[in-house]
């Protein structure tokens, strides 16, 4: 039995690592997935792999720091698949490398915007949509 049959999921940070693996797993378990990240080529490759394995996937490249992007991911899920059940907010960065005494304020702000604000914006719009259809699950990594 495929545990996520009939579910629709948005997965950010899907171009590599945990996000990419999660997209493949969710699709293999029957979910229709919307994958998001900044790297278009990697997203296109991921969608092709999911479809080749018999899954359903669509990609929307963009930046999680943008509220318009968070809205667009939700809109795409509803437009393509009619609903949203799962938000897997995974996009993140380690930020500038090196000792904390050498990290710039701009580097700090960028990491906060991606890691925290991006997850907040995703959840804000995902939850609003899920409440329209009776609920769902929002996951932060």
C-alpha atoms as a PDB file:
ATOM      1  CA  UNK A   1       0.000   0.000   0.000  1.00  0.00           C
ATOM      2  CA  UNK A   2       1.275   3.450  -0.917  1.00  0.00           C
ATOM      3  CA  UNK A   3       0.917   5.521   2.240  1.00  0.00           C
ATOM      4  CA  UNK A   4       0.586   8.917   0.564  1.00  0.00           C
ATOM      5  CA  UNK A   5      -1.821   8.033  -2.243  1.00  0.00           C
ATOM      6  CA  UNK A   6      -4.112  10.944  -3.011  1.00  0.00           C
ATOM      7  CA  UNK A   7      -1.984  13.446  -1.079  1.00  0.00           C
ATOM      8  CA  UNK A   8      -0.401  16.569  -2.545  1.00  0.00           C
ATOM      9  CA  UNK A   9       2.884  17.896  -1.139  1.00  0.00           C
ATOM     10  CA  UNK A  10       5.038  20.977  -1.611  1.00  0.00           C
ATOM     11  CA  UNK A  11       8.737  20.359  -0.974  1.00  0.00           C
ATOM     12  CA  UNK A  12      11.162  23.286  -0.875  1.00  0.00           C
ATOM     13  CA  UNK A  13      14.904  22.893  -1.135  1.00  0.00           C
ATOM     14  CA  UNK A  14      14.182  19.985  -3.465  1.00  0.00           C
ATOM     15  CA  UNK A  15      17.122  20.401  -5.831  1.00  0.00           C
ATOM     16  CA  UNK A  16      19.490  18.407  -3.602  1.00  0.00           C
ATOM     17  CA  UNK A  17      20.000  16.533  -0.351  1.00  0.00           C
ATOM     18  CA  UNK A  18      17.105  15.928   2.029  1.00  0.00           C
ATOM     19  CA  UNK A  19      14.598  17.788  -0.145  1.00  0.00           C
ATOM     20  CA  UNK A  20      15.434  15.787  -3.254  1.00  0.00           C
ATOM     21  CA  UNK A  21      15.312  12.474  -1.367  1.00  0.00           C
ATOM     22  CA  UNK A  22      12.016  13.441   0.265  1.00  0.00           C
ATOM     23  CA  UNK A  23      10.449  14.353  -3.084  1.00  0.00           C
ATOM     24  CA  UNK A  24      11.391  10.949  -4.484  1.00  0.00           C
ATOM     25  CA  UNK A  25      10.135   9.125  -1.383  1.00  0.00           C
ATOM     26  CA  UNK A  26       6.836  11.017  -1.224  1.00  0.00           C
ATOM     27  CA  UNK A  27       6.240  10.378  -4.940  1.00  0.00           C
ATOM     28  CA  UNK A  28       7.119   6.687  -4.557  1.00  0.00           C
ATOM     29  CA  UNK A  29       4.562   6.528  -1.737  1.00  0.00           C
ATOM     30  CA  UNK A  30       1.893   7.963  -4.036  1.00  0.00           C
ATOM     31  CA  UNK A  31       1.947  11.712  -3.360  1.00  0.00           C
ATOM     32  CA  UNK A  32       1.759  14.242  -6.148  1.00  0.00           C
ATOM     33  CA  UNK A  33       4.638  16.627  -5.484  1.00  0.00           C
ATOM     34  CA  UNK A  34       5.379  20.255  -6.237  1.00  0.00           C
ATOM     35  CA  UNK A  35       9.137  20.712  -5.951  1.00  0.00           C
ATOM     36  CA  UNK A  36      10.740  24.083  -5.394  1.00  0.00           C
ATOM     37  CA  UNK A  37      14.282  25.442  -5.250  1.00  0.00           C
ATOM     38  CA  UNK A  38      16.427  28.062  -6.947  1.00  0.00           C
ATOM     39  CA  UNK A  39      18.224  25.693  -9.341  1.00  0.00           C
ATOM     40  CA  UNK A  40      15.979  25.090 -12.350  1.00  0.00           C
ATOM     41  CA  UNK A  41      18.124  22.417 -14.007  1.00  0.00           C
ATOM     42  CA  UNK A  42      18.208  20.237 -10.907  1.00  0.00           C
ATOM     43  CA  UNK A  43      14.453  20.598 -10.436  1.00  0.00           C
ATOM     44  CA  UNK A  44      13.776  19.630 -14.039  1.00  0.00           C
ATOM     45  CA  UNK A  45      15.997  16.567 -13.640  1.00  0.00           C
ATOM     46  CA  UNK A  46      14.193  15.595 -10.433  1.00  0.00           C
ATOM     47  CA  UNK A  47      10.756  15.901 -12.050  1.00  0.00           C
ATOM     48  CA  UNK A  48      11.937  13.739 -14.950  1.00  0.00           C
ATOM     49  CA  UNK A  49      13.225  11.075 -12.541  1.00  0.00           C
ATOM     50  CA  UNK A  50       9.980  11.047 -10.555  1.00  0.00           C
ATOM     51  CA  UNK A  51       7.878  10.784 -13.703  1.00  0.00           C
ATOM     52  CA  UNK A  52      10.114   8.026 -15.115  1.00  0.00           C
ATOM     53  CA  UNK A  53       9.477   6.074 -11.912  1.00  0.00           C
ATOM     54  CA  UNK A  54       5.709   6.456 -12.380  1.00  0.00           C
ATOM     55  CA  UNK A  55       5.149   9.393 -10.029  1.00  0.00           C
ATOM     56  CA  UNK A  56       3.545  12.790 -10.510  1.00  0.00           C
ATOM     57  CA  UNK A  57       5.596  15.949 -10.057  1.00  0.00           C
ATOM     58  CA  UNK A  58       5.745  19.577 -11.106  1.00  0.00           C
ATOM     59  CA  UNK A  59       8.526  22.086 -10.495  1.00  0.00           C
ATOM     60  CA  UNK A  60       8.470  25.781  -9.741  1.00  0.00           C
ATOM     61  CA  UNK A  61      11.874  27.404  -9.398  1.00  0.00           C
ATOM     62  CA  UNK A  62      12.127  30.388  -7.087  1.00  0.00           C
ATOM     63  CA  UNK A  63      13.410  31.843  -3.847  1.00  0.00           C
ATOM     64  CA  UNK A  64      11.759  30.999  -0.507  1.00  0.00           C
ATOM     65  CA  UNK A  65      12.597  34.497   0.765  1.00  0.00           C
ATOM     66  CA  UNK A  66       9.773  35.801  -1.445  1.00  0.00           C
ATOM     67  CA  UNK A  67       6.203  35.743  -0.179  1.00  0.00           C
ATOM     68  CA  UNK A  68       5.036  35.786  -3.793  1.00  0.00           C
ATOM     69  CA  UNK A  69       6.947  32.537  -4.326  1.00  0.00           C
ATOM     70  CA  UNK A  70       5.306  30.923  -1.276  1.00  0.00           C
ATOM     71  CA  UNK A  71       1.903  31.908  -2.683  1.00  0.00           C
ATOM     72  CA  UNK A  72       2.829  30.642  -6.158  1.00  0.00           C
ATOM     73  CA  UNK A  73       3.824  27.196  -4.860  1.00  0.00           C
ATOM     74  CA  UNK A  74       0.456  26.812  -3.139  1.00  0.00           C
ATOM     75  CA  UNK A  75      -1.395  28.116  -6.181  1.00  0.00           C
ATOM     76  CA  UNK A  76       0.399  25.606  -8.408  1.00  0.00           C
ATOM     77  CA  UNK A  77      -0.494  22.719  -6.096  1.00  0.00           C
ATOM     78  CA  UNK A  78      -4.161  23.686  -6.165  1.00  0.00           C
ATOM     79  CA  UNK A  79      -4.189  24.412  -9.902  1.00  0.00           C
ATOM     80  CA  UNK A  80      -2.482  21.148 -10.900  1.00  0.00           C
ATOM     81  CA  UNK A  81      -3.742  18.759  -8.268  1.00  0.00           C
ATOM     82  CA  UNK A  82      -6.767  20.396  -6.635  1.00  0.00           C
ATOM     83  CA  UNK A  83      -5.527  20.525  -3.048  1.00  0.00           C
ATOM     84  CA  UNK A  84      -2.602  20.692  -0.632  1.00  0.00           C
ATOM     85  CA  UNK A  85      -2.003  18.203   2.169  1.00  0.00           C
ATOM     86  CA  UNK A  86       1.690  18.463   3.079  1.00  0.00           C
ATOM     87  CA  UNK A  87       4.171  21.317   3.277  1.00  0.00           C
ATOM     88  CA  UNK A  88       7.764  20.118   3.644  1.00  0.00           C
ATOM     89  CA  UNK A  89       9.714  23.335   4.276  1.00  0.00           C
ATOM     90  CA  UNK A  90      13.270  22.207   3.768  1.00  0.00           C
ATOM     91  CA  UNK A  91      15.074  25.029   1.944  1.00  0.00           C
ATOM     92  CA  UNK A  92      18.061  26.179   3.943  1.00  0.00           C
ATOM     93  CA  UNK A  93      21.600  27.393   3.949  1.00  0.00           C
ATOM     94  CA  UNK A  94      24.616  27.177   6.215  1.00  0.00           C
ATOM     95  CA  UNK A  95      25.337  30.807   5.412  1.00  0.00           C
ATOM     96  CA  UNK A  96      28.780  32.332   5.289  1.00  0.00           C
ATOM     97  CA  UNK A  97      31.565  30.036   6.357  1.00  0.00           C
ATOM     98  CA  UNK A  98      34.219  30.813   8.895  1.00  0.00           C
ATOM     99  CA  UNK A  99      34.323  31.985  12.498  1.00  0.00           C
ATOM    100  CA  UNK A 100      31.269  33.849  13.749  1.00  0.00           C
ATOM    101  CA  UNK A 101      33.440  36.897  14.372  1.00  0.00           C
ATOM    102  CA  UNK A 102      33.958  37.152  10.616  1.00  0.00           C
ATOM    103  CA  UNK A 103      30.378  36.628   9.426  1.00  0.00           C
ATOM    104  CA  UNK A 104      28.966  39.792   7.911  1.00  0.00           C
ATOM    105  CA  UNK A 105      25.630  41.238   8.891  1.00  0.00           C
ATOM    106  CA  UNK A 106      24.454  40.749   5.308  1.00  0.00           C
ATOM    107  CA  UNK A 107      25.470  37.081   5.454  1.00  0.00           C
ATOM    108  CA  UNK A 108      23.641  36.630   8.756  1.00  0.00           C
ATOM    109  CA  UNK A 109      20.507  38.330   7.414  1.00  0.00           C
ATOM    110  CA  UNK A 110      20.566  36.172   4.284  1.00  0.00           C
ATOM    111  CA  UNK A 111      20.759  32.956   6.331  1.00  0.00           C
ATOM    112  CA  UNK A 112      17.900  34.102   8.581  1.00  0.00           C
ATOM    113  CA  UNK A 113      15.788  35.053   5.555  1.00  0.00           C
ATOM    114  CA  UNK A 114      16.246  31.641   3.929  1.00  0.00           C
ATOM    115  CA  UNK A 115      16.159  29.418   7.013  1.00  0.00           C
ATOM    116  CA  UNK A 116      13.511  31.148   9.109  1.00  0.00           C
ATOM    117  CA  UNK A 117      11.542  33.641   7.051  1.00  0.00           C
ATOM    118  CA  UNK A 118      11.314  31.233   4.119  1.00  0.00           C
ATOM    119  CA  UNK A 119       9.861  28.514   6.335  1.00  0.00           C
ATOM    120  CA  UNK A 120       7.449  30.978   7.956  1.00  0.00           C
ATOM    121  CA  UNK A 121       6.197  32.258   4.598  1.00  0.00           C
ATOM    122  CA  UNK A 122       5.778  28.729   3.272  1.00  0.00           C
ATOM    123  CA  UNK A 123       3.842  27.579   6.324  1.00  0.00           C
ATOM    124  CA  UNK A 124       1.712  30.746   6.388  1.00  0.00           C
ATOM    125  CA  UNK A 125       0.307  30.096   2.930  1.00  0.00           C
ATOM    126  CA  UNK A 126       0.321  26.300   3.139  1.00  0.00           C
ATOM    127  CA  UNK A 127      -1.720  26.312   6.359  1.00  0.00           C
ATOM    128  CA  UNK A 128      -4.211  28.828   4.957  1.00  0.00           C
ATOM    129  CA  UNK A 129      -4.851  26.487   2.014  1.00  0.00           C
ATOM    130  CA  UNK A 130      -4.976  23.336   4.131  1.00  0.00           C
ATOM    131  CA  UNK A 131      -7.598  24.854   6.421  1.00  0.00           C
ATOM    132  CA  UNK A 132      -9.877  25.232   3.398  1.00  0.00           C
ATOM    133  CA  UNK A 133      -9.871  21.465   2.870  1.00  0.00           C
ATOM    134  CA  UNK A 134      -9.880  20.182   6.435  1.00  0.00           C
ATOM    135  CA  UNK A 135      -6.202  20.157   7.424  1.00  0.00           C
ATOM    136  CA  UNK A 136      -2.830  18.733   6.591  1.00  0.00           C
ATOM    137  CA  UNK A 137       0.722  18.574   7.858  1.00  0.00           C
ATOM    138  CA  UNK A 138       3.490  21.144   7.818  1.00  0.00           C
ATOM    139  CA  UNK A 139       7.040  19.904   8.359  1.00  0.00           C
ATOM    140  CA  UNK A 140      10.182  21.939   8.985  1.00  0.00           C
ATOM    141  CA  UNK A 141      13.678  20.502   8.542  1.00  0.00           C
END
